[in-house]
């Protein structure tokens, strides 16, 4: 297993991702304390297939969220939290729509956080 602190990871992210694509795992350290692990996804699924246009009733939104979580967990893209928490809250606001991009979504999230007073 490869070990990398946060600054090394930030400076050499592309190289670390190439290692992960080759099957290596990367242990990420924050001041020599392990905080995360990058591992290859087995049976990777093209998430672009998730893109659909749909409108859901509020009561069926929870069912849709759980189904999306189940698909992502089964694909190895997501893992459920070990200490509780509602993972559906993470994917609930995430509806990849045609024409919408990741950068735009992240910028919108940052704007919302600033409006709420988060930094």
PDB file of N, CA and C in Angstrom:
ATOM      1  N   UNK A   1       0.836  -1.174   0.000  1.00  0.00           N
ATOM      2  CA  UNK A   1       0.000   0.000   0.000  1.00  0.00           C
ATOM      3  C   UNK A   1       0.885   1.243   0.000  1.00  0.00           C
ATOM      4  N   UNK A   2       0.514   2.186  -0.840  1.00  0.00           N
ATOM      5  CA  UNK A   2       1.239   3.449  -0.929  1.00  0.00           C
ATOM      6  C   UNK A   2       0.728   4.366   0.181  1.00  0.00           C
ATOM      7  N   UNK A   3       1.628   5.120   0.795  1.00  0.00           N
ATOM      8  CA  UNK A   3       1.259   6.090   1.830  1.00  0.00           C
ATOM      9  C   UNK A   3       1.557   7.489   1.306  1.00  0.00           C
ATOM     10  N   UNK A   4       0.645   8.425   1.562  1.00  0.00           N
ATOM     11  CA  UNK A   4       0.853   9.804   1.103  1.00  0.00           C
ATOM     12  C   UNK A   4       0.193  10.765   2.079  1.00  0.00           C
ATOM     13  N   UNK A   5       0.937  11.815   2.439  1.00  0.00           N
ATOM     14  CA  UNK A   5       0.283  12.838   3.251  1.00  0.00           C
ATOM     15  C   UNK A   5      -0.507  13.756   2.317  1.00  0.00           C
ATOM     16  N   UNK A   6      -1.297  14.622   2.899  1.00  0.00           N
ATOM     17  CA  UNK A   6      -2.216  15.442   2.105  1.00  0.00           C
ATOM     18  C   UNK A   6      -1.483  16.315   1.093  1.00  0.00           C
ATOM     19  N   UNK A   7      -0.387  16.935   1.498  1.00  0.00           N
ATOM     20  CA  UNK A   7       0.320  17.811   0.549  1.00  0.00           C
ATOM     21  C   UNK A   7       0.928  17.002  -0.595  1.00  0.00           C
ATOM     22  N   UNK A   8       1.460  15.817  -0.302  1.00  0.00           N
ATOM     23  CA  UNK A   8       1.990  14.962  -1.372  1.00  0.00           C
ATOM     24  C   UNK A   8       0.874  14.557  -2.323  1.00  0.00           C
ATOM     25  N   UNK A   9      -0.270  14.200  -1.749  1.00  0.00           N
ATOM     26  CA  UNK A   9      -1.404  13.798  -2.571  1.00  0.00           C
ATOM     27  C   UNK A   9      -1.863  14.953  -3.461  1.00  0.00           C
ATOM     28  N   UNK A  10      -1.960  16.130  -2.886  1.00  0.00           N
ATOM     29  CA  UNK A  10      -2.393  17.304  -3.648  1.00  0.00           C
ATOM     30  C   UNK A  10      -1.422  17.599  -4.786  1.00  0.00           C
ATOM     31  N   UNK A  11      -0.137  17.523  -4.505  1.00  0.00           N
ATOM     32  CA  UNK A  11       0.872  17.855  -5.519  1.00  0.00           C
ATOM     33  C   UNK A  11       1.023  16.783  -6.588  1.00  0.00           C
ATOM     34  N   UNK A  12       0.709  15.541  -6.250  1.00  0.00           N
ATOM     35  CA  UNK A  12       0.907  14.466  -7.215  1.00  0.00           C
ATOM     36  C   UNK A  12      -0.329  13.632  -7.447  1.00  0.00           C
ATOM     37  N   UNK A  13      -1.506  14.262  -7.387  1.00  0.00           N
ATOM     38  CA  UNK A  13      -2.759  13.523  -7.476  1.00  0.00           C
ATOM     39  C   UNK A  13      -2.839  12.648  -8.719  1.00  0.00           C
ATOM     40  N   UNK A  14      -2.447  13.163  -9.856  1.00  0.00           N
ATOM     41  CA  UNK A  14      -2.533  12.377 -11.097  1.00  0.00           C
ATOM     42  C   UNK A  14      -1.721  11.099 -10.998  1.00  0.00           C
ATOM     43  N   UNK A  15      -0.528  11.179 -10.439  1.00  0.00           N
ATOM     44  CA  UNK A  15       0.318   9.987 -10.307  1.00  0.00           C
ATOM     45  C   UNK A  15      -0.315   8.982  -9.348  1.00  0.00           C
ATOM     46  N   UNK A  16      -0.882   9.475  -8.247  1.00  0.00           N
ATOM     47  CA  UNK A  16      -1.535   8.566  -7.297  1.00  0.00           C
ATOM     48  C   UNK A  16      -2.758   7.907  -7.927  1.00  0.00           C
ATOM     49  N   UNK A  17      -3.518   8.666  -8.707  1.00  0.00           N
ATOM     50  CA  UNK A  17      -4.681   8.086  -9.370  1.00  0.00           C
ATOM     51  C   UNK A  17      -4.272   7.045 -10.407  1.00  0.00           C
ATOM     52  N   UNK A  18      -3.160   7.265 -11.087  1.00  0.00           N
ATOM     53  CA  UNK A  18      -2.660   6.242 -12.023  1.00  0.00           C
ATOM     54  C   UNK A  18      -2.330   4.961 -11.265  1.00  0.00           C
ATOM     55  N   UNK A  19      -1.731   5.098 -10.087  1.00  0.00           N
ATOM     56  CA  UNK A  19      -1.416   3.926  -9.267  1.00  0.00           C
ATOM     57  C   UNK A  19      -2.687   3.190  -8.864  1.00  0.00           C
ATOM     58  N   UNK A  20      -3.716   3.944  -8.502  1.00  0.00           N
ATOM     59  CA  UNK A  20      -4.984   3.323  -8.115  1.00  0.00           C
ATOM     60  C   UNK A  20      -5.594   2.596  -9.309  1.00  0.00           C
ATOM     61  N   UNK A  21      -5.515   3.195 -10.490  1.00  0.00           N
ATOM     62  CA  UNK A  21      -6.034   2.527 -11.694  1.00  0.00           C
ATOM     63  C   UNK A  21      -5.306   1.217 -11.968  1.00  0.00           C
ATOM     64  N   UNK A  22      -4.034   1.153 -11.578  1.00  0.00           N
ATOM     65  CA  UNK A  22      -3.252  -0.078 -11.762  1.00  0.00           C
ATOM     66  C   UNK A  22      -3.525  -1.099 -10.664  1.00  0.00           C
ATOM     67  N   UNK A  23      -4.390  -0.765  -9.698  1.00  0.00           N
ATOM     68  CA  UNK A  23      -4.750  -1.722  -8.662  1.00  0.00           C
ATOM     69  C   UNK A  23      -4.148  -1.456  -7.294  1.00  0.00           C
ATOM     70  N   UNK A  24      -3.323  -0.428  -7.176  1.00  0.00           N
ATOM     71  CA  UNK A  24      -2.717  -0.086  -5.879  1.00  0.00           C
ATOM     72  C   UNK A  24      -3.744   0.612  -4.992  1.00  0.00           C
ATOM     73  N   UNK A  25      -3.512   0.582  -3.689  1.00  0.00           N
ATOM     74  CA  UNK A  25      -4.292   1.366  -2.734  1.00  0.00           C
ATOM     75  C   UNK A  25      -3.395   2.455  -2.173  1.00  0.00           C
ATOM     76  N   UNK A  26      -3.978   3.600  -1.859  1.00  0.00           N
ATOM     77  CA  UNK A  26      -3.222   4.719  -1.303  1.00  0.00           C
ATOM     78  C   UNK A  26      -3.818   5.063   0.060  1.00  0.00           C
ATOM     79  N   UNK A  27      -2.988   4.995   1.092  1.00  0.00           N
ATOM     80  CA  UNK A  27      -3.393   5.389   2.431  1.00  0.00           C
ATOM     81  C   UNK A  27      -3.074   6.870   2.588  1.00  0.00           C
ATOM     82  N   UNK A  28      -4.081   7.668   2.898  1.00  0.00           N
ATOM     83  CA  UNK A  28      -3.902   9.117   3.010  1.00  0.00           C
ATOM     84  C   UNK A  28      -3.729   9.474   4.478  1.00  0.00           C
ATOM     85  N   UNK A  29      -2.670  10.236   4.747  1.00  0.00           N
ATOM     86  CA  UNK A  29      -2.324  10.597   6.119  1.00  0.00           C
ATOM     87  C   UNK A  29      -2.461  12.097   6.338  1.00  0.00           C
ATOM     88  N   UNK A  30      -2.940  12.451   7.516  1.00  0.00           N
ATOM     89  CA  UNK A  30      -2.974  13.851   7.943  1.00  0.00           C
ATOM     90  C   UNK A  30      -2.098  13.933   9.186  1.00  0.00           C
ATOM     91  N   UNK A  31      -0.908  14.505   9.029  1.00  0.00           N
ATOM     92  CA  UNK A  31       0.093  14.565  10.104  1.00  0.00           C
ATOM     93  C   UNK A  31       0.381  13.169  10.652  1.00  0.00           C
ATOM     94  N   UNK A  32       0.631  12.245   9.741  1.00  0.00           N
ATOM     95  CA  UNK A  32       0.971  10.856  10.040  1.00  0.00           C
ATOM     96  C   UNK A  32      -0.164  10.062  10.677  1.00  0.00           C
ATOM     97  N   UNK A  33      -1.385  10.568  10.619  1.00  0.00           N
ATOM     98  CA  UNK A  33      -2.552   9.844  11.114  1.00  0.00           C
ATOM     99  C   UNK A  33      -3.391   9.440   9.903  1.00  0.00           C
ATOM    100  N   UNK A  34      -3.634   8.138   9.712  1.00  0.00           N
ATOM    101  CA  UNK A  34      -4.443   7.700   8.571  1.00  0.00           C
ATOM    102  C   UNK A  34      -5.863   8.270   8.661  1.00  0.00           C
ATOM    103  N   UNK A  35      -6.316   8.866   7.560  1.00  0.00           N
ATOM    104  CA  UNK A  35      -7.668   9.437   7.545  1.00  0.00           C
ATOM    105  C   UNK A  35      -8.539   8.874   6.422  1.00  0.00           C
ATOM    106  N   UNK A  36      -7.930   8.326   5.383  1.00  0.00           N
ATOM    107  CA  UNK A  36      -8.720   7.814   4.267  1.00  0.00           C
ATOM    108  C   UNK A  36      -7.869   6.844   3.458  1.00  0.00           C
ATOM    109  N   UNK A  37      -8.554   6.107   2.597  1.00  0.00           N
ATOM    110  CA  UNK A  37      -7.860   5.177   1.715  1.00  0.00           C
ATOM    111  C   UNK A  37      -8.489   5.282   0.328  1.00  0.00           C
ATOM    112  N   UNK A  38      -7.643   5.460  -0.680  1.00  0.00           N
ATOM    113  CA  UNK A  38      -8.090   5.414  -2.074  1.00  0.00           C
ATOM    114  C   UNK A  38      -7.874   3.993  -2.556  1.00  0.00           C
ATOM    115  N   UNK A  39      -8.932   3.372  -3.032  1.00  0.00           N
ATOM    116  CA  UNK A  39      -8.819   2.005  -3.529  1.00  0.00           C
ATOM    117  C   UNK A  39      -9.486   1.918  -4.891  1.00  0.00           C
ATOM    118  N   UNK A  40      -9.054   0.968  -5.707  1.00  0.00           N
ATOM    119  CA  UNK A  40      -9.692   0.804  -7.012  1.00  0.00           C
ATOM    120  C   UNK A  40     -11.149   0.372  -6.850  1.00  0.00           C
ATOM    121  N   UNK A  41     -11.982   0.790  -7.771  1.00  0.00           N
ATOM    122  CA  UNK A  41     -13.379   0.372  -7.787  1.00  0.00           C
ATOM    123  C   UNK A  41     -13.459  -0.899  -8.609  1.00  0.00           C
ATOM    124  N   UNK A  42     -14.016  -1.942  -7.996  1.00  0.00           N
ATOM    125  CA  UNK A  42     -14.177  -3.199  -8.725  1.00  0.00           C
ATOM    126  C   UNK A  42     -15.517  -3.173  -9.444  1.00  0.00           C
ATOM    127  N   UNK A  43     -15.525  -3.633 -10.666  1.00  0.00           N
ATOM    128  CA  UNK A  43     -16.756  -3.642 -11.443  1.00  0.00           C
ATOM    129  C   UNK A  43     -17.286  -2.243 -11.678  1.00  0.00           C
ATOM    130  N   UNK A  44     -16.397  -1.335 -12.069  1.00  0.00           N
ATOM    131  CA  UNK A  44     -16.775   0.069 -12.244  1.00  0.00           C
ATOM    132  C   UNK A  44     -17.937   0.209 -13.219  1.00  0.00           C
ATOM    133  N   UNK A  45     -18.807   1.140 -12.910  1.00  0.00           N
ATOM    134  CA  UNK A  45     -19.985   1.417 -13.724  1.00  0.00           C
ATOM    135  C   UNK A  45     -19.879   2.852 -14.219  1.00  0.00           C
ATOM    136  N   UNK A  46     -20.256   3.071 -15.461  1.00  0.00           N
ATOM    137  CA  UNK A  46     -20.252   4.426 -16.004  1.00  0.00           C
ATOM    138  C   UNK A  46     -21.423   5.183 -15.397  1.00  0.00           C
ATOM    139  N   UNK A  47     -21.130   6.128 -14.506  1.00  0.00           N
ATOM    140  CA  UNK A  47     -22.185   6.851 -13.798  1.00  0.00           C
ATOM    141  C   UNK A  47     -22.973   7.783 -14.698  1.00  0.00           C
ATOM    142  N   UNK A  48     -22.490   8.012 -15.887  1.00  0.00           N
ATOM    143  CA  UNK A  48     -23.249   8.860 -16.805  1.00  0.00           C
ATOM    144  C   UNK A  48     -24.574   8.210 -17.164  1.00  0.00           C
ATOM    145  N   UNK A  49     -24.666   6.869 -16.993  1.00  0.00           N
ATOM    146  CA  UNK A  49     -25.924   6.183 -17.251  1.00  0.00           C
ATOM    147  C   UNK A  49     -26.984   6.565 -16.226  1.00  0.00           C
ATOM    148  N   UNK A  50     -26.570   7.143 -15.103  1.00  0.00           N
ATOM    149  CA  UNK A  50     -27.499   7.588 -14.069  1.00  0.00           C
ATOM    150  C   UNK A  50     -28.303   8.800 -14.527  1.00  0.00           C
ATOM    151  N   UNK A  51     -27.858   9.475 -15.555  1.00  0.00           N
ATOM    152  CA  UNK A  51     -28.509  10.716 -15.982  1.00  0.00           C
ATOM    153  C   UNK A  51     -29.876  10.422 -16.585  1.00  0.00           C
ATOM    154  N   UNK A  52     -30.893  10.954 -15.967  1.00  0.00           N
ATOM    155  CA  UNK A  52     -32.251  10.834 -16.488  1.00  0.00           C
ATOM    156  C   UNK A  52     -33.001  12.105 -16.142  1.00  0.00           C
ATOM    157  N   UNK A  53     -33.990  12.408 -16.945  1.00  0.00           N
ATOM    158  CA  UNK A  53     -34.889  13.514 -16.623  1.00  0.00           C
ATOM    159  C   UNK A  53     -36.126  12.905 -15.985  1.00  0.00           C
ATOM    160  N   UNK A  54     -36.435  13.355 -14.794  1.00  0.00           N
ATOM    161  CA  UNK A  54     -37.608  12.837 -14.118  1.00  0.00           C
ATOM    162  C   UNK A  54     -38.065  13.829 -13.054  1.00  0.00           C
ATOM    163  N   UNK A  55     -39.318  13.719 -12.739  1.00  0.00           N
ATOM    164  CA  UNK A  55     -39.883  14.505 -11.655  1.00  0.00           C
ATOM    165  C   UNK A  55     -40.530  13.511 -10.713  1.00  0.00           C
ATOM    166  N   UNK A  56     -40.171  13.578  -9.443  1.00  0.00           N
ATOM    167  CA  UNK A  56     -40.683  12.621  -8.471  1.00  0.00           C
ATOM    168  C   UNK A  56     -41.571  13.317  -7.450  1.00  0.00           C
ATOM    169  N   UNK A  57     -42.574  12.601  -6.999  1.00  0.00           N
ATOM    170  CA  UNK A  57     -43.368  13.079  -5.878  1.00  0.00           C
ATOM    171  C   UNK A  57     -42.483  13.020  -4.641  1.00  0.00           C
ATOM    172  N   UNK A  58     -42.735  13.885  -3.663  1.00  0.00           N
ATOM    173  CA  UNK A  58     -41.893  13.948  -2.466  1.00  0.00           C
ATOM    174  C   UNK A  58     -41.826  12.609  -1.746  1.00  0.00           C
ATOM    175  N   UNK A  59     -42.956  11.902  -1.617  1.00  0.00           N
ATOM    176  CA  UNK A  59     -42.942  10.636  -0.882  1.00  0.00           C
ATOM    177  C   UNK A  59     -42.140   9.557  -1.606  1.00  0.00           C
ATOM    178  N   UNK A  60     -42.048   9.636  -2.923  1.00  0.00           N
ATOM    179  CA  UNK A  60     -41.265   8.635  -3.644  1.00  0.00           C
ATOM    180  C   UNK A  60     -39.791   9.033  -3.739  1.00  0.00           C
ATOM    181  N   UNK A  61     -39.453  10.271  -3.352  1.00  0.00           N
ATOM    182  CA  UNK A  61     -38.067  10.740  -3.392  1.00  0.00           C
ATOM    183  C   UNK A  61     -37.186   9.870  -2.494  1.00  0.00           C
ATOM    184  N   UNK A  62     -37.683   9.527  -1.316  1.00  0.00           N
ATOM    185  CA  UNK A  62     -36.905   8.709  -0.387  1.00  0.00           C
ATOM    186  C   UNK A  62     -36.618   7.330  -0.979  1.00  0.00           C
ATOM    187  N   UNK A  63     -37.599   6.752  -1.639  1.00  0.00           N
ATOM    188  CA  UNK A  63     -37.407   5.453  -2.286  1.00  0.00           C
ATOM    189  C   UNK A  63     -36.368   5.576  -3.395  1.00  0.00           C
ATOM    190  N   UNK A  64     -36.453   6.636  -4.182  1.00  0.00           N
ATOM    191  CA  UNK A  64     -35.486   6.863  -5.259  1.00  0.00           C
ATOM    192  C   UNK A  64     -34.083   7.051  -4.704  1.00  0.00           C
ATOM    193  N   UNK A  65     -33.969   7.828  -3.610  1.00  0.00           N
ATOM    194  CA  UNK A  65     -32.656   8.046  -2.995  1.00  0.00           C
ATOM    195  C   UNK A  65     -32.050   6.731  -2.540  1.00  0.00           C
ATOM    196  N   UNK A  66     -32.846   5.909  -1.878  1.00  0.00           N
ATOM    197  CA  UNK A  66     -32.343   4.627  -1.374  1.00  0.00           C
ATOM    198  C   UNK A  66     -31.948   3.716  -2.536  1.00  0.00           C
ATOM    199  N   UNK A  67     -32.717   3.735  -3.618  1.00  0.00           N
ATOM    200  CA  UNK A  67     -32.378   2.919  -4.788  1.00  0.00           C
ATOM    201  C   UNK A  67     -31.062   3.382  -5.398  1.00  0.00           C
ATOM    202  N   UNK A  68     -30.868   4.696  -5.482  1.00  0.00           N
ATOM    203  CA  UNK A  68     -29.617   5.232  -6.029  1.00  0.00           C
ATOM    204  C   UNK A  68     -28.442   4.837  -5.140  1.00  0.00           C
ATOM    205  N   UNK A  69     -28.614   4.958  -3.827  1.00  0.00           N
ATOM    206  CA  UNK A  69     -27.552   4.564  -2.895  1.00  0.00           C
ATOM    207  C   UNK A  69     -27.235   3.085  -3.078  1.00  0.00           C
ATOM    208  N   UNK A  70     -28.260   2.251  -3.170  1.00  0.00           N
ATOM    209  CA  UNK A  70     -28.041   0.810  -3.331  1.00  0.00           C
ATOM    210  C   UNK A  70     -27.259   0.515  -4.609  1.00  0.00           C
ATOM    211  N   UNK A  71     -27.597   1.203  -5.714  1.00  0.00           N
ATOM    212  CA  UNK A  71     -26.859   0.981  -6.970  1.00  0.00           C
ATOM    213  C   UNK A  71     -25.401   1.401  -6.834  1.00  0.00           C
ATOM    214  N   UNK A  72     -25.155   2.550  -6.205  1.00  0.00           N
ATOM    215  CA  UNK A  72     -23.785   3.033  -6.058  1.00  0.00           C
ATOM    216  C   UNK A  72     -22.978   2.154  -5.109  1.00  0.00           C
ATOM    217  N   UNK A  73     -23.614   1.651  -4.054  1.00  0.00           N
ATOM    218  CA  UNK A  73     -22.929   0.732  -3.136  1.00  0.00           C
ATOM    219  C   UNK A  73     -22.604  -0.563  -3.869  1.00  0.00           C
ATOM    220  N   UNK A  74     -23.575  -1.095  -4.620  1.00  0.00           N
ATOM    221  CA  UNK A  74     -23.350  -2.340  -5.362  1.00  0.00           C
ATOM    222  C   UNK A  74     -22.245  -2.184  -6.397  1.00  0.00           C
ATOM    223  N   UNK A  75     -22.124  -0.986  -6.970  1.00  0.00           N
ATOM    224  CA  UNK A  75     -21.089  -0.737  -7.976  1.00  0.00           C
ATOM    225  C   UNK A  75     -19.728  -0.479  -7.345  1.00  0.00           C
ATOM    226  N   UNK A  76     -19.695  -0.351  -6.010  1.00  0.00           N
ATOM    227  CA  UNK A  76     -18.423  -0.102  -5.335  1.00  0.00           C
ATOM    228  C   UNK A  76     -18.001   1.353  -5.364  1.00  0.00           C
ATOM    229  N   UNK A  77     -18.897   2.231  -5.774  1.00  0.00           N
ATOM    230  CA  UNK A  77     -18.578   3.650  -5.870  1.00  0.00           C
ATOM    231  C   UNK A  77     -18.767   4.335  -4.525  1.00  0.00           C
ATOM    232  N   UNK A  78     -19.652   3.811  -3.709  1.00  0.00           N
ATOM    233  CA  UNK A  78     -20.031   4.420  -2.446  1.00  0.00           C
ATOM    234  C   UNK A  78     -20.036   3.346  -1.376  1.00  0.00           C
ATOM    235  N   UNK A  79     -19.712   3.700  -0.166  1.00  0.00           N
ATOM    236  CA  UNK A  79     -19.863   2.760   0.944  1.00  0.00           C
ATOM    237  C   UNK A  79     -20.670   3.443   2.033  1.00  0.00           C
ATOM    238  N   UNK A  80     -21.455   2.656   2.731  1.00  0.00           N
ATOM    239  CA  UNK A  80     -22.310   3.213   3.783  1.00  0.00           C
ATOM    240  C   UNK A  80     -21.456   3.633   4.972  1.00  0.00           C
ATOM    241  N   UNK A  81     -21.877   4.678   5.699  1.00  0.00           N
ATOM    242  CA  UNK A  81     -21.100   5.130   6.853  1.00  0.00           C
ATOM    243  C   UNK A  81     -21.051   4.064   7.937  1.00  0.00           C
ATOM    244  N   UNK A  82     -19.935   3.985   8.631  1.00  0.00           N
ATOM    245  CA  UNK A  82     -19.785   2.992   9.694  1.00  0.00           C
ATOM    246  C   UNK A  82     -20.486   3.416  10.972  1.00  0.00           C
ATOM    247  N   UNK A  83     -20.593   4.726  11.192  1.00  0.00           N
ATOM    248  CA  UNK A  83     -21.150   5.231  12.450  1.00  0.00           C
ATOM    249  C   UNK A  83     -22.485   5.927  12.242  1.00  0.00           C
ATOM    250  N   UNK A  84     -23.380   5.286  11.594  1.00  0.00           N
ATOM    251  CA  UNK A  84     -24.692   5.893  11.424  1.00  0.00           C
ATOM    252  C   UNK A  84     -24.676   7.008  10.397  1.00  0.00           C
ATOM    253  N   UNK A  85     -25.675   7.830  10.451  1.00  0.00           N
ATOM    254  CA  UNK A  85     -25.775   8.896   9.470  1.00  0.00           C
ATOM    255  C   UNK A  85     -26.642   8.447   8.310  1.00  0.00           C
ATOM    256  N   UNK A  86     -27.266   9.376   7.678  1.00  0.00           N
ATOM    257  CA  UNK A  86     -28.159   9.079   6.565  1.00  0.00           C
ATOM    258  C   UNK A  86     -27.441   9.376   5.261  1.00  0.00           C
ATOM    259  N   UNK A  87     -26.969   8.331   4.621  1.00  0.00           N
ATOM    260  CA  UNK A  87     -26.220   8.503   3.373  1.00  0.00           C
ATOM    261  C   UNK A  87     -27.125   9.048   2.273  1.00  0.00           C
ATOM    262  N   UNK A  88     -28.437   8.841   2.415  1.00  0.00           N
ATOM    263  CA  UNK A  88     -29.350   9.372   1.400  1.00  0.00           C
ATOM    264  C   UNK A  88     -29.284  10.886   1.334  1.00  0.00           C
ATOM    265  N   UNK A  89     -28.952  11.523   2.442  1.00  0.00           N
ATOM    266  CA  UNK A  89     -28.849  12.983   2.450  1.00  0.00           C
ATOM    267  C   UNK A  89     -27.753  13.458   1.508  1.00  0.00           C
ATOM    268  N   UNK A  90     -26.736  12.622   1.302  1.00  0.00           N
ATOM    269  CA  UNK A  90     -25.643  12.980   0.403  1.00  0.00           C
ATOM    270  C   UNK A  90     -26.116  12.967  -1.044  1.00  0.00           C
ATOM    271  N   UNK A  91     -26.836  11.920  -1.419  1.00  0.00           N
ATOM    272  CA  UNK A  91     -27.249  11.794  -2.818  1.00  0.00           C
ATOM    273  C   UNK A  91     -28.570  12.495  -3.100  1.00  0.00           C
ATOM    274  N   UNK A  92     -29.297  12.881  -2.069  1.00  0.00           N
ATOM    275  CA  UNK A  92     -30.618  13.484  -2.261  1.00  0.00           C
ATOM    276  C   UNK A  92     -30.553  14.727  -3.140  1.00  0.00           C
ATOM    277  N   UNK A  93     -29.611  15.598  -2.880  1.00  0.00           N
ATOM    278  CA  UNK A  93     -29.516  16.823  -3.657  1.00  0.00           C
ATOM    279  C   UNK A  93     -28.733  16.671  -4.938  1.00  0.00           C
ATOM    280  N   UNK A  94     -28.278  15.470  -5.221  1.00  0.00           N
ATOM    281  CA  UNK A  94     -27.423  15.251  -6.378  1.00  0.00           C
ATOM    282  C   UNK A  94     -28.227  14.612  -7.488  1.00  0.00           C
ATOM    283  N   UNK A  95     -28.666  15.406  -8.425  1.00  0.00           N
ATOM    284  CA  UNK A  95     -29.375  14.908  -9.590  1.00  0.00           C
ATOM    285  C   UNK A  95     -28.602  15.335 -10.817  1.00  0.00           C
ATOM    286  N   UNK A  96     -27.724  14.458 -11.333  1.00  0.00           N
ATOM    287  CA  UNK A  96     -26.982  14.842 -12.527  1.00  0.00           C
ATOM    288  C   UNK A  96     -27.932  14.968 -13.710  1.00  0.00           C
ATOM    289  N   UNK A  97     -28.019  16.135 -14.249  1.00  0.00           N
ATOM    290  CA  UNK A  97     -28.907  16.376 -15.375  1.00  0.00           C
ATOM    291  C   UNK A  97     -28.089  16.714 -16.613  1.00  0.00           C
ATOM    292  N   UNK A  98     -28.594  16.361 -17.776  1.00  0.00           N
ATOM    293  CA  UNK A  98     -27.878  16.719 -18.990  1.00  0.00           C
ATOM    294  C   UNK A  98     -27.636  18.224 -19.028  1.00  0.00           C
ATOM    295  N   UNK A  99     -26.425  18.598 -19.394  1.00  0.00           N
ATOM    296  CA  UNK A  99     -26.082  20.004 -19.472  1.00  0.00           C
ATOM    297  C   UNK A  99     -25.521  20.564 -18.182  1.00  0.00           C
ATOM    298  N   UNK A 100     -25.755  19.883 -17.074  1.00  0.00           N
ATOM    299  CA  UNK A 100     -25.221  20.336 -15.789  1.00  0.00           C
ATOM    300  C   UNK A 100     -23.851  19.728 -15.599  1.00  0.00           C
ATOM    301  N   UNK A 101     -22.950  20.483 -15.053  1.00  0.00           N
ATOM    302  CA  UNK A 101     -21.606  19.975 -14.867  1.00  0.00           C
ATOM    303  C   UNK A 101     -21.219  19.932 -13.408  1.00  0.00           C
ATOM    304  N   UNK A 102     -20.204  19.169 -13.132  1.00  0.00           N
ATOM    305  CA  UNK A 102     -19.713  19.018 -11.775  1.00  0.00           C
ATOM    306  C   UNK A 102     -19.222  20.342 -11.214  1.00  0.00           C
ATOM    307  N   UNK A 103     -18.497  21.099 -12.014  1.00  0.00           N
ATOM    308  CA  UNK A 103     -17.968  22.376 -11.534  1.00  0.00           C
ATOM    309  C   UNK A 103     -19.110  23.312 -11.151  1.00  0.00           C
ATOM    310  N   UNK A 104     -20.141  23.382 -11.997  1.00  0.00           N
ATOM    311  CA  UNK A 104     -21.279  24.241 -11.688  1.00  0.00           C
ATOM    312  C   UNK A 104     -21.957  23.798 -10.402  1.00  0.00           C
ATOM    313  N   UNK A 105     -22.101  22.486 -10.209  1.00  0.00           N
ATOM    314  CA  UNK A 105     -22.728  21.970  -8.991  1.00  0.00           C
ATOM    315  C   UNK A 105     -21.905  22.322  -7.760  1.00  0.00           C
ATOM    316  N   UNK A 106     -20.589  22.179  -7.849  1.00  0.00           N
ATOM    317  CA  UNK A 106     -19.729  22.512  -6.713  1.00  0.00           C
ATOM    318  C   UNK A 106     -19.770  24.005  -6.398  1.00  0.00           C
ATOM    319  N   UNK A 107     -19.758  24.826  -7.431  1.00  0.00           N
ATOM    320  CA  UNK A 107     -19.849  26.267  -7.203  1.00  0.00           C
ATOM    321  C   UNK A 107     -21.169  26.638  -6.535  1.00  0.00           C
ATOM    322  N   UNK A 108     -22.242  26.004  -6.959  1.00  0.00           N
ATOM    323  CA  UNK A 108     -23.542  26.267  -6.347  1.00  0.00           C
ATOM    324  C   UNK A 108     -23.547  25.835  -4.880  1.00  0.00           C
ATOM    325  N   UNK A 109     -22.946  24.692  -4.582  1.00  0.00           N
ATOM    326  CA  UNK A 109     -22.864  24.232  -3.192  1.00  0.00           C
ATOM    327  C   UNK A 109     -22.068  25.219  -2.347  1.00  0.00           C
ATOM    328  N   UNK A 110     -20.982  25.728  -2.892  1.00  0.00           N
ATOM    329  CA  UNK A 110     -20.170  26.703  -2.157  1.00  0.00           C
ATOM    330  C   UNK A 110     -20.955  27.988  -1.905  1.00  0.00           C
ATOM    331  N   UNK A 111     -21.708  28.441  -2.918  1.00  0.00           N
ATOM    332  CA  UNK A 111     -22.535  29.640  -2.737  1.00  0.00           C
ATOM    333  C   UNK A 111     -23.560  29.425  -1.627  1.00  0.00           C
ATOM    334  N   UNK A 112     -24.199  28.251  -1.633  1.00  0.00           N
ATOM    335  CA  UNK A 112     -25.191  27.953  -0.599  1.00  0.00           C
ATOM    336  C   UNK A 112     -24.545  27.926   0.781  1.00  0.00           C
ATOM    337  N   UNK A 113     -23.369  27.327   0.876  1.00  0.00           N
ATOM    338  CA  UNK A 113     -22.669  27.272   2.164  1.00  0.00           C
ATOM    339  C   UNK A 113     -22.326  28.671   2.661  1.00  0.00           C
ATOM    340  N   UNK A 114     -21.862  29.538   1.757  1.00  0.00           N
ATOM    341  CA  UNK A 114     -21.540  30.913   2.155  1.00  0.00           C
ATOM    342  C   UNK A 114     -22.782  31.646   2.644  1.00  0.00           C
ATOM    343  N   UNK A 115     -23.906  31.418   1.972  1.00  0.00           N
ATOM    344  CA  UNK A 115     -25.155  32.061   2.386  1.00  0.00           C
ATOM    345  C   UNK A 115     -25.580  31.600   3.775  1.00  0.00           C
ATOM    346  N   UNK A 116     -25.269  30.348   4.109  1.00  0.00           N
ATOM    347  CA  UNK A 116     -25.624  29.808   5.426  1.00  0.00           C
ATOM    348  C   UNK A 116     -24.596  30.174   6.484  1.00  0.00           C
ATOM    349  N   UNK A 117     -23.514  30.815   6.068  1.00  0.00           N
ATOM    350  CA  UNK A 117     -22.496  31.237   7.022  1.00  0.00           C
ATOM    351  C   UNK A 117     -21.388  30.231   7.238  1.00  0.00           C
ATOM    352  N   UNK A 118     -21.380  29.130   6.450  1.00  0.00           N
ATOM    353  CA  UNK A 118     -20.290  28.163   6.545  1.00  0.00           C
ATOM    354  C   UNK A 118     -19.096  28.699   5.785  1.00  0.00           C
ATOM    355  N   UNK A 119     -17.915  28.238   6.134  1.00  0.00           N
ATOM    356  CA  UNK A 119     -16.715  28.682   5.420  1.00  0.00           C
ATOM    357  C   UNK A 119     -16.152  27.576   4.592  1.00  0.00           C
TER     358      UNK A 119
END
